[in-house]
Amino acid sequence: MQNTPVFNVSAHSPFGLMITPACNGQTVEQLDVSQLIALAREHHLLILRGFAPTFVDSPSFTRFAEQWGAIKMWPFGAALDVKEHPDATDHIFDHSGVPLHWDGMYKPTIPEFQLFNCLHAPAEDEGGRTTFLDTEALLAHTPQEVIERWRDVSVTYRIRQVVHYGGQVCSSLLVEHPRTGKPVLRYNEPAQEGERFLNRHALQYHGIEPDQVRAFEQDLQARLHDPRFYYGHAWQQNDVVIADNFSLLHGREAFTARSARHLQRVHIHADPLCHNTALQPGA
């Protein structure tokens, strides 16, 4: 007698895996987390869709996250409620778009995984897709002469601390993946001029002549948004998404103000910890 599969797995375009139930009524809590971890490290993005409602609050989602490793704690606790705030002082809690970035960039440690749970999905016409860029795939398809130029580039980022993060970091554009040693790209895009954006961050480039910065940004922007490596996730109710924060950059498209969009996010530490060598304390 053939065993029932633990879950169904299919390739997702342009990258990652779609994971769906193997039987009716299956919940995410019933899945083998060790298998999910292995798949997340290999494919960088897992989309768990179609499972019976599982995580209805922060404690239930946090219990699931604990199986992935040590949770990176924040002043608010383990799970961040990502939704619009009427009195927002930072873009994270606004309805504006969020440029591509990596999480933990202003903190002493950088988490390996982001776990997202969709409590309330926006309507189809309200926007709010979470965007992901597979930097390993991008670099594998970037001409070598461009890669060599990028090796000489670093960027200083500064942002005011008005919520749970802020400060200054100086990061090389290309770094080694903390687990595999493969080259990955770390970049926090500049916010678009003229668009609503609370708590705008500043960028200062090193290794690029000042008169070449504009052309560099335009070229990099086009490469970052190449549809072969860039994906916008349109949320459905009860979606759970796992993202590799070492290999991917992520952001958000703007959404309709006062939308029901409500995600939860938990960060999972690497083992051993990934210390943030780009952080410049006291700057």
C-alpha atoms as a PDB file:
ATOM      1  CA  MET A   1       0.000   0.000   0.000  1.00  0.00           C
ATOM      2  CA  GLN A   2       1.430   3.350  -1.026  1.00  0.00           C
ATOM      3  CA  ASN A   3       2.007   5.873   1.742  1.00  0.00           C
ATOM      4  CA  THR A   4       0.073   9.132   1.591  1.00  0.00           C
ATOM      5  CA  PRO A   5       2.507  11.972   0.792  1.00  0.00           C
ATOM      6  CA  VAL A   6       3.246  14.331   3.669  1.00  0.00           C
ATOM      7  CA  PHE A   7       2.444  17.305   1.420  1.00  0.00           C
ATOM      8  CA  ASN A   8       2.337  18.139  -2.284  1.00  0.00           C
ATOM      9  CA  VAL A   9       5.225  20.080  -3.795  1.00  0.00           C
ATOM     10  CA  SER A  10       5.400  21.822  -7.160  1.00  0.00           C
ATOM     11  CA  ALA A  11       7.809  24.280  -8.736  1.00  0.00           C
ATOM     12  CA  HIS A  12       6.764  27.912  -8.502  1.00  0.00           C
ATOM     13  CA  SER A  13       7.631  30.547 -11.104  1.00  0.00           C
ATOM     14  CA  PRO A  14       9.994  32.348 -11.230  1.00  0.00           C
ATOM     15  CA  PHE A  15      11.512  30.586  -8.192  1.00  0.00           C
ATOM     16  CA  GLY A  16      10.605  28.776  -5.017  1.00  0.00           C
ATOM     17  CA  LEU A  17       8.096  26.014  -4.310  1.00  0.00           C
ATOM     18  CA  MET A  18       4.335  25.857  -3.905  1.00  0.00           C
ATOM     19  CA  ILE A  19       3.324  23.482  -1.098  1.00  0.00           C
ATOM     20  CA  THR A  20      -0.288  22.312  -0.870  1.00  0.00           C
ATOM     21  CA  PRO A  21      -2.156  19.797   1.317  1.00  0.00           C
ATOM     22  CA  ALA A  22      -1.920  16.093   0.673  1.00  0.00           C
ATOM     23  CA  CYS A  23      -5.409  15.532   2.077  1.00  0.00           C
ATOM     24  CA  ASN A  24      -8.520  17.468   3.031  1.00  0.00           C
ATOM     25  CA  GLY A  25      -8.359  19.249   6.362  1.00  0.00           C
ATOM     26  CA  GLN A  26      -4.575  19.111   6.611  1.00  0.00           C
ATOM     27  CA  THR A  27      -3.054  21.984   8.622  1.00  0.00           C
ATOM     28  CA  VAL A  28       0.377  23.560   8.453  1.00  0.00           C
ATOM     29  CA  GLU A  29       1.015  22.376  12.017  1.00  0.00           C
ATOM     30  CA  GLN A  30       0.924  18.773  10.774  1.00  0.00           C
ATOM     31  CA  LEU A  31       3.829  19.266   8.366  1.00  0.00           C
ATOM     32  CA  ASP A  32       7.354  18.006   8.995  1.00  0.00           C
ATOM     33  CA  VAL A  33       9.305  21.188   9.725  1.00  0.00           C
ATOM     34  CA  SER A  34      12.679  19.498   9.167  1.00  0.00           C
ATOM     35  CA  GLN A  35      11.621  18.801   5.572  1.00  0.00           C
ATOM     36  CA  LEU A  36      10.418  22.369   5.151  1.00  0.00           C
ATOM     37  CA  ILE A  37      13.726  23.757   6.437  1.00  0.00           C
ATOM     38  CA  ALA A  38      15.689  21.673   3.925  1.00  0.00           C
ATOM     39  CA  LEU A  39      13.428  22.820   1.087  1.00  0.00           C
ATOM     40  CA  ALA A  40      13.618  26.476   2.165  1.00  0.00           C
ATOM     41  CA  ARG A  41      17.424  26.390   2.174  1.00  0.00           C
ATOM     42  CA  GLU A  42      17.532  24.820  -1.285  1.00  0.00           C
ATOM     43  CA  HIS A  43      14.765  26.789  -3.007  1.00  0.00           C
ATOM     44  CA  HIS A  44      14.752  30.026  -0.921  1.00  0.00           C
ATOM     45  CA  LEU A  45      10.962  30.579  -0.973  1.00  0.00           C
ATOM     46  CA  LEU A  46       8.115  28.319   0.153  1.00  0.00           C
ATOM     47  CA  ILE A  47       4.445  29.201  -0.373  1.00  0.00           C
ATOM     48  CA  LEU A  48       2.112  27.110   1.769  1.00  0.00           C
ATOM     49  CA  ARG A  49      -1.406  27.501   0.373  1.00  0.00           C
ATOM     50  CA  GLY A  50      -4.750  25.739   0.698  1.00  0.00           C
ATOM     51  CA  PHE A  51      -4.264  24.316   4.181  1.00  0.00           C
ATOM     52  CA  ALA A  52      -7.026  24.383   6.764  1.00  0.00           C
ATOM     53  CA  PRO A  53      -6.921  27.579   8.882  1.00  0.00           C
ATOM     54  CA  THR A  54      -4.147  27.055  11.386  1.00  0.00           C
ATOM     55  CA  PHE A  55      -2.767  30.238  12.939  1.00  0.00           C
ATOM     56  CA  VAL A  56      -5.458  32.540  14.247  1.00  0.00           C
ATOM     57  CA  ASP A  57      -3.277  34.589  16.605  1.00  0.00           C
ATOM     58  CA  SER A  58       0.341  35.364  17.478  1.00  0.00           C
ATOM     59  CA  PRO A  59       0.786  32.582  20.084  1.00  0.00           C
ATOM     60  CA  SER A  60      -0.254  29.823  17.672  1.00  0.00           C
ATOM     61  CA  PHE A  61       1.999  31.157  14.918  1.00  0.00           C
ATOM     62  CA  THR A  62       4.891  31.584  17.345  1.00  0.00           C
ATOM     63  CA  ARG A  63       4.585  27.967  18.496  1.00  0.00           C
ATOM     64  CA  PHE A  64       4.990  26.854  14.890  1.00  0.00           C
ATOM     65  CA  ALA A  65       7.939  29.204  14.383  1.00  0.00           C
ATOM     66  CA  GLU A  66       9.746  27.792  17.412  1.00  0.00           C
ATOM     67  CA  GLN A  67      10.164  24.511  15.521  1.00  0.00           C
ATOM     68  CA  TRP A  68      12.321  26.315  12.941  1.00  0.00           C
ATOM     69  CA  GLY A  69      14.984  27.401  15.426  1.00  0.00           C
ATOM     70  CA  ALA A  70      15.670  30.199  17.868  1.00  0.00           C
ATOM     71  CA  ILE A  71      13.313  33.123  17.344  1.00  0.00           C
ATOM     72  CA  LYS A  72      14.839  36.580  16.948  1.00  0.00           C
ATOM     73  CA  MET A  73      13.067  38.638  19.581  1.00  0.00           C
ATOM     74  CA  TRP A  74      12.133  42.288  19.164  1.00  0.00           C
ATOM     75  CA  PRO A  75      10.849  44.902  21.640  1.00  0.00           C
ATOM     76  CA  PHE A  76       7.307  43.913  20.616  1.00  0.00           C
ATOM     77  CA  GLY A  77       7.997  40.193  21.098  1.00  0.00           C
ATOM     78  CA  ALA A  78       8.306  37.382  18.567  1.00  0.00           C
ATOM     79  CA  ALA A  79       5.564  38.162  16.047  1.00  0.00           C
ATOM     80  CA  LEU A  80       5.197  41.495  14.304  1.00  0.00           C
ATOM     81  CA  ASP A  81       1.706  42.486  13.148  1.00  0.00           C
ATOM     82  CA  VAL A  82       2.321  43.967   9.721  1.00  0.00           C
ATOM     83  CA  LYS A  83      -0.690  46.146   9.028  1.00  0.00           C
ATOM     84  CA  GLU A  84      -1.470  49.777   8.433  1.00  0.00           C
ATOM     85  CA  HIS A  85      -1.461  52.083  11.457  1.00  0.00           C
ATOM     86  CA  PRO A  86      -3.531  55.275  11.300  1.00  0.00           C
ATOM     87  CA  ASP A  87      -0.757  57.223  13.051  1.00  0.00           C
ATOM     88  CA  ALA A  88       2.207  55.586  11.275  1.00  0.00           C
ATOM     89  CA  THR A  89       5.627  57.256  11.543  1.00  0.00           C
ATOM     90  CA  ASP A  90       7.479  54.681   9.407  1.00  0.00           C
ATOM     91  CA  HIS A  91       6.734  53.081   6.049  1.00  0.00           C
ATOM     92  CA  ILE A  92       6.492  49.592   7.592  1.00  0.00           C
ATOM     93  CA  PHE A  93       3.150  50.567   9.141  1.00  0.00           C
ATOM     94  CA  ASP A  94       1.970  52.740   6.266  1.00  0.00           C
ATOM     95  CA  HIS A  95       0.191  51.684   3.053  1.00  0.00           C
ATOM     96  CA  SER A  96       3.044  52.845   0.815  1.00  0.00           C
ATOM     97  CA  GLY A  97       5.411  50.613  -1.073  1.00  0.00           C
ATOM     98  CA  VAL A  98       8.587  49.368   0.620  1.00  0.00           C
ATOM     99  CA  PRO A  99      11.831  49.096  -1.405  1.00  0.00           C
ATOM    100  CA  LEU A 100      13.779  45.853  -1.578  1.00  0.00           C
ATOM    101  CA  HIS A 101      15.915  45.247   1.513  1.00  0.00           C
ATOM    102  CA  TRP A 102      17.105  42.511   3.875  1.00  0.00           C
ATOM    103  CA  ASP A 103      15.771  42.151   7.411  1.00  0.00           C
ATOM    104  CA  GLY A 104      18.009  42.739  10.404  1.00  0.00           C
ATOM    105  CA  MET A 105      20.233  45.166   8.503  1.00  0.00           C
ATOM    106  CA  TYR A 106      20.237  47.623  11.433  1.00  0.00           C
ATOM    107  CA  LYS A 107      20.463  44.970  14.162  1.00  0.00           C
ATOM    108  CA  PRO A 108      23.392  43.025  15.687  1.00  0.00           C
ATOM    109  CA  THR A 109      22.231  39.756  14.108  1.00  0.00           C
ATOM    110  CA  ILE A 110      20.664  38.945  10.747  1.00  0.00           C
ATOM    111  CA  PRO A 111      17.942  36.261  10.757  1.00  0.00           C
ATOM    112  CA  GLU A 112      18.088  33.343   8.348  1.00  0.00           C
ATOM    113  CA  PHE A 113      14.345  32.931   7.783  1.00  0.00           C
ATOM    114  CA  GLN A 114      11.238  35.097   7.684  1.00  0.00           C
ATOM    115  CA  LEU A 115       7.963  33.335   8.385  1.00  0.00           C
ATOM    116  CA  PHE A 116       4.840  35.164   7.212  1.00  0.00           C
ATOM    117  CA  ASN A 117       1.237  34.302   8.043  1.00  0.00           C
ATOM    118  CA  CYS A 118      -1.680  35.993   6.278  1.00  0.00           C
ATOM    119  CA  LEU A 119      -4.478  36.718   8.743  1.00  0.00           C
ATOM    120  CA  HIS A 120      -6.381  38.973   6.333  1.00  0.00           C
ATOM    121  CA  ALA A 121      -5.651  39.261   2.621  1.00  0.00           C
ATOM    122  CA  PRO A 122      -6.302  42.484   0.737  1.00  0.00           C
ATOM    123  CA  ALA A 123      -8.851  42.391  -2.060  1.00  0.00           C
ATOM    124  CA  GLU A 124      -7.475  41.529  -5.496  1.00  0.00           C
ATOM    125  CA  ASP A 125      -7.662  45.147  -6.654  1.00  0.00           C
ATOM    126  CA  GLU A 126      -6.091  46.646  -3.494  1.00  0.00           C
ATOM    127  CA  GLY A 127      -2.404  45.870  -4.187  1.00  0.00           C
ATOM    128  CA  GLY A 128      -0.065  44.993  -1.327  1.00  0.00           C
ATOM    129  CA  ARG A 129       1.908  42.184  -2.909  1.00  0.00           C
ATOM    130  CA  THR A 130       5.071  41.221  -1.003  1.00  0.00           C
ATOM    131  CA  THR A 131       7.981  41.275  -3.424  1.00  0.00           C
ATOM    132  CA  PHE A 132      10.971  38.939  -3.435  1.00  0.00           C
ATOM    133  CA  LEU A 133      14.229  38.949  -5.398  1.00  0.00           C
ATOM    134  CA  ASP A 134      16.381  35.813  -5.748  1.00  0.00           C
ATOM    135  CA  THR A 135      19.839  37.391  -5.617  1.00  0.00           C
ATOM    136  CA  GLU A 136      21.672  34.086  -6.179  1.00  0.00           C
ATOM    137  CA  ALA A 137      19.852  33.556  -9.476  1.00  0.00           C
ATOM    138  CA  LEU A 138      20.364  37.202 -10.440  1.00  0.00           C
ATOM    139  CA  LEU A 139      24.113  36.976  -9.879  1.00  0.00           C
ATOM    140  CA  ALA A 140      24.329  33.700 -11.785  1.00  0.00           C
ATOM    141  CA  HIS A 141      22.906  35.488 -14.858  1.00  0.00           C
ATOM    142  CA  THR A 142      24.816  38.770 -14.503  1.00  0.00           C
ATOM    143  CA  PRO A 143      27.784  39.360 -16.844  1.00  0.00           C
ATOM    144  CA  GLN A 144      31.145  38.827 -15.159  1.00  0.00           C
ATOM    145  CA  GLU A 145      32.331  42.355 -15.937  1.00  0.00           C
ATOM    146  CA  VAL A 146      29.325  43.733 -14.043  1.00  0.00           C
ATOM    147  CA  ILE A 147      30.008  41.397 -11.115  1.00  0.00           C
ATOM    148  CA  GLU A 148      33.599  42.639 -10.958  1.00  0.00           C
ATOM    149  CA  ARG A 149      32.412  46.255 -10.767  1.00  0.00           C
ATOM    150  CA  TRP A 150      29.944  45.357  -8.037  1.00  0.00           C
ATOM    151  CA  ARG A 151      32.695  43.758  -5.940  1.00  0.00           C
ATOM    152  CA  ASP A 152      34.195  47.208  -5.399  1.00  0.00           C
ATOM    153  CA  VAL A 153      30.933  48.805  -4.276  1.00  0.00           C
ATOM    154  CA  SER A 154      29.695  49.288  -0.738  1.00  0.00           C
ATOM    155  CA  VAL A 155      26.821  51.402   0.528  1.00  0.00           C
ATOM    156  CA  THR A 156      26.243  53.278   3.763  1.00  0.00           C
ATOM    157  CA  TYR A 157      22.592  53.380   4.820  1.00  0.00           C
ATOM    158  CA  ARG A 158      21.152  55.709   7.459  1.00  0.00           C
ATOM    159  CA  ILE A 159      17.633  55.883   8.867  1.00  0.00           C
ATOM    160  CA  ARG A 160      16.057  57.519  11.902  1.00  0.00           C
ATOM    161  CA  GLN A 161      14.890  55.133  14.625  1.00  0.00           C
ATOM    162  CA  VAL A 162      11.211  55.938  14.958  1.00  0.00           C
ATOM    163  CA  VAL A 163      10.003  52.338  15.432  1.00  0.00           C
ATOM    164  CA  HIS A 164      11.907  49.148  16.343  1.00  0.00           C
ATOM    165  CA  TYR A 165      14.926  49.640  14.078  1.00  0.00           C
ATOM    166  CA  GLY A 166      17.227  52.398  12.837  1.00  0.00           C
ATOM    167  CA  GLY A 167      20.823  53.604  12.764  1.00  0.00           C
ATOM    168  CA  GLN A 168      23.645  53.245  10.260  1.00  0.00           C
ATOM    169  CA  VAL A 169      25.246  50.341   8.410  1.00  0.00           C
ATOM    170  CA  CYS A 170      27.904  50.106   5.716  1.00  0.00           C
ATOM    171  CA  SER A 171      27.533  46.921   3.671  1.00  0.00           C
ATOM    172  CA  SER A 172      29.317  45.584   0.629  1.00  0.00           C
ATOM    173  CA  LEU A 173      26.975  45.124  -2.295  1.00  0.00           C
ATOM    174  CA  LEU A 174      28.175  41.536  -2.668  1.00  0.00           C
ATOM    175  CA  VAL A 175      28.677  39.302   0.367  1.00  0.00           C
ATOM    176  CA  GLU A 176      29.026  35.596   1.024  1.00  0.00           C
ATOM    177  CA  HIS A 177      25.972  33.610   2.022  1.00  0.00           C
ATOM    178  CA  PRO A 178      26.585  32.871   5.740  1.00  0.00           C
ATOM    179  CA  ARG A 179      25.752  29.188   5.335  1.00  0.00           C
ATOM    180  CA  THR A 180      26.917  28.219   1.842  1.00  0.00           C
ATOM    181  CA  GLY A 181      29.548  30.827   1.007  1.00  0.00           C
ATOM    182  CA  LYS A 182      27.853  31.540  -2.337  1.00  0.00           C
ATOM    183  CA  PRO A 183      27.778  35.187  -3.448  1.00  0.00           C
ATOM    184  CA  VAL A 184      24.561  37.042  -2.629  1.00  0.00           C
ATOM    185  CA  LEU A 185      23.553  40.653  -3.027  1.00  0.00           C
ATOM    186  CA  ARG A 186      22.626  42.984  -0.165  1.00  0.00           C
ATOM    187  CA  TYR A 187      20.995  46.242  -1.120  1.00  0.00           C
ATOM    188  CA  ASN A 188      18.297  48.530   0.214  1.00  0.00           C
ATOM    189  CA  GLU A 189      16.818  50.348  -2.751  1.00  0.00           C
ATOM    190  CA  PRO A 190      16.326  54.095  -2.481  1.00  0.00           C
ATOM    191  CA  ALA A 191      12.733  55.210  -2.094  1.00  0.00           C
ATOM    192  CA  GLN A 192      11.219  56.616  -5.267  1.00  0.00           C
ATOM    193  CA  GLU A 193      11.308  60.390  -5.463  1.00  0.00           C
ATOM    194  CA  GLY A 194       7.920  62.076  -5.394  1.00  0.00           C
ATOM    195  CA  GLU A 195       6.140  59.067  -3.876  1.00  0.00           C
ATOM    196  CA  ARG A 196       4.703  58.936  -0.365  1.00  0.00           C
ATOM    197  CA  PHE A 197       7.300  57.372   1.938  1.00  0.00           C
ATOM    198  CA  LEU A 198       7.521  57.809   5.698  1.00  0.00           C
ATOM    199  CA  ASN A 199      11.006  57.871   7.280  1.00  0.00           C
ATOM    200  CA  ARG A 200      13.053  57.918   4.092  1.00  0.00           C
ATOM    201  CA  HIS A 201      16.510  56.321   4.353  1.00  0.00           C
ATOM    202  CA  ALA A 202      19.701  57.841   2.942  1.00  0.00           C
ATOM    203  CA  LEU A 203      22.274  56.025   0.787  1.00  0.00           C
ATOM    204  CA  GLN A 204      25.933  56.891   0.283  1.00  0.00           C
ATOM    205  CA  TYR A 205      27.860  54.885  -2.311  1.00  0.00           C
ATOM    206  CA  HIS A 206      31.527  53.952  -2.031  1.00  0.00           C
ATOM    207  CA  GLY A 207      33.586  52.722  -4.981  1.00  0.00           C
ATOM    208  CA  ILE A 208      31.546  54.709  -7.494  1.00  0.00           C
ATOM    209  CA  GLU A 209      32.402  58.140  -8.835  1.00  0.00           C
ATOM    210  CA  PRO A 210      29.698  60.686  -7.905  1.00  0.00           C
ATOM    211  CA  ASP A 211      28.872  61.417 -11.533  1.00  0.00           C
ATOM    212  CA  GLN A 212      28.290  57.686 -12.131  1.00  0.00           C
ATOM    213  CA  VAL A 213      25.876  57.055  -9.257  1.00  0.00           C
ATOM    214  CA  ARG A 214      22.712  57.856 -11.211  1.00  0.00           C
ATOM    215  CA  ALA A 215      23.581  55.497 -14.060  1.00  0.00           C
ATOM    216  CA  PHE A 216      24.630  52.823 -11.544  1.00  0.00           C
ATOM    217  CA  GLU A 217      21.296  53.059  -9.698  1.00  0.00           C
ATOM    218  CA  GLN A 218      19.296  52.880 -12.917  1.00  0.00           C
ATOM    219  CA  ASP A 219      21.191  49.850 -14.180  1.00  0.00           C
ATOM    220  CA  LEU A 220      20.940  48.071 -10.831  1.00  0.00           C
ATOM    221  CA  GLN A 221      17.247  48.897 -10.530  1.00  0.00           C
ATOM    222  CA  ALA A 222      16.524  47.303 -13.895  1.00  0.00           C
ATOM    223  CA  ARG A 223      18.448  44.153 -12.959  1.00  0.00           C
ATOM    224  CA  LEU A 224      16.760  43.871  -9.559  1.00  0.00           C
ATOM    225  CA  HIS A 225      13.310  43.919 -11.150  1.00  0.00           C
ATOM    226  CA  ASP A 226      14.050  41.450 -13.928  1.00  0.00           C
ATOM    227  CA  PRO A 227      10.959  39.160 -13.931  1.00  0.00           C
ATOM    228  CA  ARG A 228      13.207  36.096 -14.182  1.00  0.00           C
ATOM    229  CA  PHE A 229      14.328  36.705 -10.591  1.00  0.00           C
ATOM    230  CA  TYR A 230      11.659  39.027  -9.132  1.00  0.00           C
ATOM    231  CA  TYR A 231       8.303  37.842  -7.785  1.00  0.00           C
ATOM    232  CA  GLY A 232       5.313  39.651  -6.316  1.00  0.00           C
ATOM    233  CA  HIS A 233       3.243  37.487  -3.986  1.00  0.00           C
ATOM    234  CA  ALA A 234      -0.480  38.238  -4.052  1.00  0.00           C
ATOM    235  CA  TRP A 235      -1.729  37.151  -0.634  1.00  0.00           C
ATOM    236  CA  GLN A 236      -4.613  34.768  -0.058  1.00  0.00           C
ATOM    237  CA  GLN A 237      -6.234  34.150   3.304  1.00  0.00           C
ATOM    238  CA  ASN A 238      -4.203  31.729   5.475  1.00  0.00           C
ATOM    239  CA  ASP A 239      -1.148  31.732   3.196  1.00  0.00           C
ATOM    240  CA  VAL A 240       2.072  30.930   5.046  1.00  0.00           C
ATOM    241  CA  VAL A 241       5.268  32.018   3.285  1.00  0.00           C
ATOM    242  CA  ILE A 242       8.821  31.141   4.330  1.00  0.00           C
ATOM    243  CA  ALA A 243      11.638  33.235   2.867  1.00  0.00           C
ATOM    244  CA  ASP A 244      15.417  32.803   3.007  1.00  0.00           C
ATOM    245  CA  ASN A 245      16.592  36.198   4.271  1.00  0.00           C
ATOM    246  CA  PHE A 246      20.204  35.415   3.343  1.00  0.00           C
ATOM    247  CA  SER A 247      19.566  34.765  -0.370  1.00  0.00           C
ATOM    248  CA  LEU A 248      16.533  36.945  -1.039  1.00  0.00           C
ATOM    249  CA  LEU A 249      15.719  40.610  -0.806  1.00  0.00           C
ATOM    250  CA  HIS A 250      12.107  41.532  -0.192  1.00  0.00           C
ATOM    251  CA  GLY A 251       9.812  44.539  -0.218  1.00  0.00           C
ATOM    252  CA  ARG A 252       6.167  45.495  -0.656  1.00  0.00           C
ATOM    253  CA  GLU A 253       3.970  47.102  -3.263  1.00  0.00           C
ATOM    254  CA  ALA A 254       1.716  49.916  -2.113  1.00  0.00           C
ATOM    255  CA  PHE A 255      -1.846  49.025  -1.165  1.00  0.00           C
ATOM    256  CA  THR A 256      -5.151  50.795  -0.742  1.00  0.00           C
ATOM    257  CA  ALA A 257      -5.355  52.814   2.470  1.00  0.00           C
ATOM    258  CA  ARG A 258      -7.459  51.186   5.194  1.00  0.00           C
ATOM    259  CA  SER A 259      -7.246  47.820   3.450  1.00  0.00           C
ATOM    260  CA  ALA A 260      -7.789  44.710   5.573  1.00  0.00           C
ATOM    261  CA  ARG A 261      -4.235  43.530   4.736  1.00  0.00           C
ATOM    262  CA  HIS A 262      -2.798  41.982   7.912  1.00  0.00           C
ATOM    263  CA  LEU A 263       0.267  39.759   8.031  1.00  0.00           C
ATOM    264  CA  GLN A 264       2.257  38.334  10.921  1.00  0.00           C
ATOM    265  CA  ARG A 265       6.021  37.938  10.645  1.00  0.00           C
ATOM    266  CA  VAL A 266       8.497  35.995  12.775  1.00  0.00           C
ATOM    267  CA  HIS A 267      12.279  35.916  12.296  1.00  0.00           C
ATOM    268  CA  ILE A 268      14.338  32.767  12.840  1.00  0.00           C
ATOM    269  CA  HIS A 269      18.006  32.966  13.813  1.00  0.00           C
ATOM    270  CA  ALA A 270      20.660  31.006  11.968  1.00  0.00           C
ATOM    271  CA  ASP A 271      22.690  28.413  13.883  1.00  0.00           C
ATOM    272  CA  PRO A 272      25.352  29.604  14.448  1.00  0.00           C
ATOM    273  CA  LEU A 273      24.156  33.178  14.709  1.00  0.00           C
ATOM    274  CA  CYS A 274      24.820  35.459  11.755  1.00  0.00           C
ATOM    275  CA  HIS A 275      26.437  38.560  13.252  1.00  0.00           C
ATOM    276  CA  ASN A 276      25.949  41.799  11.394  1.00  0.00           C
ATOM    277  CA  THR A 277      29.451  43.013  10.556  1.00  0.00           C
ATOM    278  CA  ALA A 278      28.024  45.959   8.584  1.00  0.00           C
ATOM    279  CA  LEU A 279      26.496  47.570  11.678  1.00  0.00           C
ATOM    280  CA  GLN A 280      28.152  50.800  12.804  1.00  0.00           C
ATOM    281  CA  PRO A 281      27.112  51.238  16.447  1.00  0.00           C
ATOM    282  CA  GLY A 282      26.835  54.783  17.701  1.00  0.00           C
ATOM    283  CA  ALA A 283      27.108  56.290  14.230  1.00  0.00           C
END
